[in-house]
């Protein structure tokens, strides 16, 4: 009986049979070879080749400068440094060609004379614009991100103060408050908290956060926190003082903007509003004076 059971071939398990059926079905269904898409065959190899070329063309100082600017801008589009350099070189070639083709089409449609100088100006101007547009976009993102951080900082410090004075630890207060802010300031504090959880000292994480943002008010706030931590000062008292100072600075900036408003309004007043008023007020008088002079025979 035992010998018969050993010599008898073992039947496959149900799970093994199901796997065998699935593999057989997949093999039969995939009789045709998988054809790669256009992006896999053409676009991706072209982009990788362009990245290799631009990696050799760009200097290390250019890469470091662009990486710092992208970091301050919050890494727009989740694109790394080399990808942005490749995008700049692509714009440098695509934009002038597109502009020349557009001008050629307009001239051909309107039956205008084709001038090589115009095409040369379009090519040079398009190349300059294609190289400068990515830098302009990054600088704009940096300014907007700094402004958002500056506007959200006083409210965040107030919430940190309330949380610490209510009995939470500083790290727990940061975790609780940063989750309520969905902008760049909340993201930066969450990143600093994650770095602390991974073993980085709190002072280094806060300094790195201030360096990434480059907002003077945030740098002052981080310096005060690090100094209070080193000297053993009560964190709630430091946060209360910093909250008062941030509110005063915000009111000072609001008053400064209000004082700049009349100066900024002078340009539209002089260029648009005053000429219209002169036409409305002096127009009828000028017409009447012209008629009187014409009747008197002067004109």
Protein backbone atom coordinates (compact mmCIF):
# COMPACT_ATOMS: atom_id res chain seq x y z
CA UNK A 1 0.00 0.00 0.00
CA UNK A 2 2.80 2.37 0.94
CA UNK A 3 4.83 1.24 -2.09
CA UNK A 4 1.86 1.85 -4.37
CA UNK A 5 1.33 5.32 -2.95
CA UNK A 6 5.00 6.22 -3.51
CA UNK A 7 5.15 4.87 -7.08
CA UNK A 8 1.86 6.58 -8.12
CA UNK A 9 2.41 10.02 -9.74
CA UNK A 10 1.21 12.90 -7.65
CA UNK A 11 -1.64 14.92 -9.03
CA UNK A 12 -1.17 18.68 -9.28
CA UNK A 13 -2.80 20.90 -6.75
CA UNK A 14 -5.79 23.07 -7.73
CA UNK A 15 -3.75 26.27 -7.40
CA UNK A 16 -1.01 24.85 -9.59
CA UNK A 17 -3.58 23.84 -12.19
CA UNK A 18 -5.09 27.33 -12.21
CA UNK A 19 -1.65 28.88 -12.67
CA UNK A 20 -0.98 26.48 -15.54
CA UNK A 21 -4.26 27.40 -17.23
CA UNK A 22 -3.61 31.15 -16.79
CA UNK A 23 -0.09 30.87 -18.21
CA UNK A 24 -1.33 28.80 -21.15
CA UNK A 25 -4.10 31.28 -21.89
CA UNK A 26 -1.71 34.24 -21.65
CA UNK A 27 0.75 32.48 -23.96
CA UNK A 28 -2.00 31.82 -26.50
CA UNK A 29 -3.39 35.34 -26.28
CA UNK A 30 0.04 36.89 -26.73
CA UNK A 31 0.78 35.08 -29.94
CA UNK A 32 1.46 38.43 -31.57
CA UNK A 33 4.53 40.30 -30.41
CA UNK A 34 3.98 43.44 -28.33
CA UNK A 35 4.58 46.45 -30.51
CA UNK A 36 6.04 49.43 -28.61
CA UNK A 37 4.26 52.74 -28.87
CA UNK A 38 5.58 55.82 -30.65
CA UNK A 39 6.71 57.35 -27.35
CA UNK A 40 8.72 54.23 -26.50
CA UNK A 41 10.23 53.88 -29.98
CA UNK A 42 10.97 57.52 -30.88
CA UNK A 43 10.20 60.10 -28.21
CA UNK A 44 11.89 58.47 -25.22
CA UNK A 45 15.19 57.59 -27.02
CA UNK A 46 15.29 61.10 -28.51
CA UNK A 47 14.80 62.75 -25.11
CA UNK A 48 17.43 60.49 -23.51
CA UNK A 49 19.90 61.33 -26.28
CA UNK A 50 19.18 65.05 -25.88
CA UNK A 51 19.71 64.74 -22.12
CA UNK A 52 23.10 63.14 -22.71
CA UNK A 53 24.08 65.94 -25.10
CA UNK A 54 22.86 68.74 -22.82
CA UNK A 55 24.61 67.09 -19.87
CA UNK A 56 27.90 67.57 -21.69
CA UNK A 57 27.02 71.08 -22.88
CA UNK A 58 25.98 72.49 -19.49
CA UNK A 59 28.65 73.41 -16.96
CA UNK A 60 28.60 72.32 -13.33
CA UNK A 61 28.08 75.90 -12.10
CA UNK A 62 25.04 76.22 -14.37
CA UNK A 63 23.61 72.98 -13.00
CA UNK A 64 24.17 74.04 -9.38
CA UNK A 65 22.58 77.44 -9.96
CA UNK A 66 19.58 75.94 -11.72
CA UNK A 67 19.16 73.29 -9.03
CA UNK A 68 19.05 75.96 -6.29
CA UNK A 69 16.50 77.99 -8.25
CA UNK A 70 14.34 74.94 -8.90
CA UNK A 71 14.49 74.07 -5.20
CA UNK A 72 13.31 77.59 -4.28
CA UNK A 73 10.56 77.34 -6.89
CA UNK A 74 9.29 74.07 -5.39
CA UNK A 75 10.44 71.83 -8.28
CA UNK A 76 7.75 72.86 -10.82
CA UNK A 77 6.44 69.96 -12.87
CA UNK A 78 8.49 67.52 -10.74
CA UNK A 79 11.32 68.02 -13.24
CA UNK A 80 14.92 67.60 -12.20
CA UNK A 81 17.84 69.83 -13.15
CA UNK A 82 18.94 67.92 -16.24
CA UNK A 83 15.38 67.73 -17.51
CA UNK A 84 15.01 71.51 -17.25
CA UNK A 85 18.29 72.04 -19.10
CA UNK A 86 17.06 69.73 -21.87
CA UNK A 87 13.76 71.61 -21.98
CA UNK A 88 15.64 74.92 -22.34
CA UNK A 89 17.67 73.61 -25.28
CA UNK A 90 14.53 72.20 -26.89
CA UNK A 91 12.82 75.59 -26.59
CA UNK A 92 15.97 77.16 -28.03
CA UNK A 93 15.48 75.12 -31.19
CA UNK A 94 11.72 74.71 -31.44
CA UNK A 95 10.56 78.29 -30.86
CA UNK A 96 12.59 80.02 -33.63
CA UNK A 97 11.60 77.34 -36.17
CA UNK A 98 7.94 77.70 -35.20
CA UNK A 99 8.14 81.49 -35.44
CA UNK A 100 9.81 81.36 -38.87
CA UNK A 101 7.16 78.94 -40.15
CA UNK A 102 4.41 81.18 -38.78
CA UNK A 103 5.82 84.27 -40.49
CA UNK A 104 6.31 82.31 -43.71
CA UNK A 105 2.69 81.14 -43.62
CA UNK A 106 1.38 84.66 -43.00
CA UNK A 107 3.49 86.10 -45.84
CA UNK A 108 2.38 83.34 -48.20
CA UNK A 109 -1.29 83.78 -47.27
CA UNK A 110 -1.22 87.58 -47.61
CA UNK A 111 0.97 87.44 -50.75
CA UNK A 112 3.64 89.60 -49.12
CA UNK A 113 7.22 89.75 -50.26
CA UNK A 114 9.51 87.26 -48.50
CA UNK A 115 12.43 88.99 -46.81
CA UNK A 116 15.36 87.00 -45.45
CA UNK A 117 16.13 89.71 -42.90
CA UNK A 118 12.69 89.26 -41.36
CA UNK A 119 13.27 85.52 -41.09
CA UNK A 120 16.68 86.14 -39.52
CA UNK A 121 15.18 88.52 -36.94
CA UNK A 122 12.44 85.98 -36.17
CA UNK A 123 15.02 83.23 -35.76
CA UNK A 124 17.28 85.23 -33.43
CA UNK A 125 14.35 86.62 -31.45
CA UNK A 126 12.74 83.20 -31.14
CA UNK A 127 16.00 81.64 -29.96
CA UNK A 128 16.47 84.36 -27.32
CA UNK A 129 12.85 84.01 -26.19
CA UNK A 130 13.08 80.22 -26.08
CA UNK A 131 16.18 80.38 -23.89
CA UNK A 132 14.77 83.06 -21.55
CA UNK A 133 11.18 81.85 -21.12
CA UNK A 134 12.05 78.90 -18.79
CA UNK A 135 14.21 81.19 -16.62
CA UNK A 136 11.42 83.77 -16.50
CA UNK A 137 8.93 81.08 -15.47
CA UNK A 138 11.21 79.78 -12.69
CA UNK A 139 11.83 83.30 -11.33
CA UNK A 140 8.11 83.98 -11.33
CA UNK A 141 7.45 80.74 -9.44
CA UNK A 142 10.14 81.65 -6.88
CA UNK A 143 8.60 85.09 -6.24
CA UNK A 144 5.09 83.67 -5.95
CA UNK A 145 6.23 80.92 -3.59
CA UNK A 146 8.07 83.40 -1.35
CA UNK A 147 5.00 85.61 -1.23
CA UNK A 148 2.77 82.69 -0.25
CA UNK A 149 5.20 81.69 2.52
CA UNK A 150 5.41 85.27 3.77
CA UNK A 151 1.62 85.63 3.92
CA UNK A 152 1.04 82.29 5.65
CA UNK A 153 3.87 82.55 8.20
CA UNK A 154 2.13 84.77 10.84
CA UNK A 155 -0.97 82.57 10.96
CA UNK A 156 1.15 79.44 11.24
CA UNK A 157 3.21 80.89 14.09
CA UNK A 158 -0.02 81.82 15.91
CA UNK A 159 -1.28 78.24 15.63
CA UNK A 160 2.09 76.90 16.77
CA UNK A 161 1.96 79.20 19.78
CA UNK A 162 -1.53 78.08 20.75
CA UNK A 163 -0.64 74.40 20.29
CA UNK A 164 2.56 74.61 22.38
CA UNK A 165 0.86 76.60 25.13
CA UNK A 166 -1.95 74.01 25.17
CA UNK A 167 0.58 71.31 26.14
CA UNK A 168 1.80 69.80 22.87
CA UNK A 169 5.48 69.29 22.21
CA UNK A 170 7.13 71.35 19.53
CA UNK A 171 7.46 68.45 17.06
CA UNK A 172 3.86 67.38 17.66
CA UNK A 173 2.70 70.98 17.22
CA UNK A 174 4.56 71.22 13.90
CA UNK A 175 3.00 67.94 12.74
CA UNK A 176 -0.49 69.12 13.70
CA UNK A 177 -0.23 72.66 12.31
CA UNK A 178 1.59 71.84 9.06
CA UNK A 179 -1.16 69.42 8.08
CA UNK A 180 -3.64 72.32 8.10
CA UNK A 181 -1.60 74.43 5.66
CA UNK A 182 -1.73 73.10 2.10
CA UNK A 183 0.61 75.71 0.63
CA UNK A 184 4.40 75.75 0.32
CA UNK A 185 4.94 76.69 3.97
CA UNK A 186 3.09 73.60 5.20
CA UNK A 187 5.02 71.43 2.74
CA UNK A 188 8.35 72.80 3.95
CA UNK A 189 7.51 72.21 7.61
CA UNK A 190 6.34 68.69 6.84
CA UNK A 191 9.57 68.00 4.99
CA UNK A 192 11.60 69.33 7.93
CA UNK A 193 9.59 67.13 10.32
CA UNK A 194 10.21 64.06 8.15
CA UNK A 195 13.93 64.79 8.13
CA UNK A 196 13.90 64.98 11.94
CA UNK A 197 12.06 61.65 12.10
CA UNK A 198 14.71 60.10 9.86
CA UNK A 199 17.43 61.06 12.35
CA UNK A 200 18.57 64.51 11.24
CA UNK A 201 19.05 67.06 14.03
CA UNK A 202 16.22 69.52 14.35
CA UNK A 203 18.50 72.56 14.04
CA UNK A 204 19.96 71.33 10.75
CA UNK A 205 16.52 70.50 9.34
CA UNK A 206 15.20 73.96 10.22
CA UNK A 207 18.28 75.70 8.78
CA UNK A 208 17.93 73.73 5.56
CA UNK A 209 14.26 74.70 5.36
CA UNK A 210 15.16 78.38 5.77
CA UNK A 211 17.84 78.05 3.09
CA UNK A 212 15.38 76.47 0.65
CA UNK A 213 12.79 79.21 1.12
CA UNK A 214 15.08 82.27 1.48
CA UNK A 215 12.38 84.35 3.19
CA UNK A 216 13.89 86.81 5.72
CA UNK A 217 11.02 86.48 8.21
CA UNK A 218 11.24 82.69 8.15
CA UNK A 219 15.02 82.83 8.57
CA UNK A 220 14.61 85.08 11.63
CA UNK A 221 11.98 82.74 13.07
CA UNK A 222 14.17 79.67 12.57
CA UNK A 223 17.18 81.42 14.16
CA UNK A 224 15.09 82.31 17.21
CA UNK A 225 13.86 78.72 17.56
CA UNK A 226 17.38 77.27 17.30
CA UNK A 227 18.75 79.76 19.81
CA UNK A 228 15.91 79.05 22.25
CA UNK A 229 16.51 75.32 21.92
CA UNK A 230 20.24 75.71 22.58
CA UNK A 231 19.79 78.04 25.57
CA UNK A 232 16.90 76.11 27.11
CA UNK A 233 14.43 78.98 26.92
CA UNK A 234 10.72 78.19 27.05
CA UNK A 235 9.53 77.48 23.52
CA UNK A 236 6.08 78.89 24.20
CA UNK A 237 7.50 82.24 25.27
CA UNK A 238 9.71 82.45 22.17
CA UNK A 239 6.78 81.58 19.92
CA UNK A 240 4.63 84.24 21.59
CA UNK A 241 7.27 86.92 20.98
CA UNK A 242 7.78 85.79 17.38
CA UNK A 243 4.03 85.82 16.75
CA UNK A 244 3.77 89.42 17.98
CA UNK A 245 6.70 90.49 15.81
CA UNK A 246 5.26 88.77 12.73
CA UNK A 247 1.92 90.52 13.19
CA UNK A 248 3.67 93.89 13.52
CA UNK A 249 5.70 93.24 10.37
CA UNK A 250 2.57 92.26 8.48
CA UNK A 251 0.83 95.48 9.47
CA UNK A 252 3.93 97.48 8.51
CA UNK A 253 3.98 95.85 5.08
CA UNK A 254 0.29 96.63 4.64
CA UNK A 255 0.89 100.31 5.51
CA UNK A 256 3.86 100.41 3.15
CA UNK A 257 1.77 99.03 0.30
CA UNK A 258 -0.97 101.57 1.06
CA UNK A 259 1.55 104.41 0.87
CA UNK A 260 2.85 103.14 -2.49
CA UNK A 261 -0.64 103.03 -4.00
CA UNK A 262 -0.89 106.79 -4.88
CA UNK A 263 2.49 106.67 -6.64
CA UNK A 264 1.46 103.62 -8.66
CA UNK A 265 -1.84 105.29 -9.59
CA UNK A 266 -0.07 108.25 -11.20
CA UNK A 267 0.80 106.34 -14.39
CA UNK A 268 -2.78 105.32 -15.34
CA UNK A 269 -4.06 108.73 -14.25
CA UNK A 270 -1.64 110.64 -16.48
CA UNK A 271 -1.85 108.30 -19.46
CA UNK A 272 -5.53 107.38 -19.53
CA UNK A 273 -7.77 109.36 -17.17
CA UNK A 274 -6.43 112.92 -17.48
CA UNK A 275 -6.47 112.97 -21.33
CA UNK A 276 -10.08 111.78 -21.29
CA UNK A 277 -11.04 114.50 -18.81
CA UNK A 278 -9.29 117.14 -20.91
CA UNK A 279 -11.18 116.00 -24.02
CA UNK A 280 -14.54 116.05 -22.20
CA UNK A 281 -13.96 119.44 -20.53
CA UNK A 282 -11.98 121.32 -23.16
CA UNK A 283 -13.53 119.72 -26.25
CA UNK A 284 -16.79 121.74 -26.37
CA UNK A 285 -14.94 124.97 -25.51
CA UNK A 286 -12.40 124.34 -28.29
CA UNK A 287 -15.17 123.67 -30.83
CA UNK A 288 -17.03 126.85 -29.80
CA UNK A 289 -13.84 128.92 -29.98
CA UNK A 290 -13.07 127.56 -33.46
CA UNK A 291 -16.55 128.48 -34.70
CA UNK A 292 -16.29 132.01 -33.29
CA UNK A 293 -12.88 132.56 -34.87
CA UNK A 294 -14.19 131.26 -38.19
CA UNK A 295 -17.19 133.59 -38.07
CA UNK A 296 -14.92 136.50 -37.26
CA UNK A 297 -12.91 135.75 -40.36
CA UNK A 298 -9.68 134.96 -38.55
CA UNK A 299 -9.63 131.42 -39.96
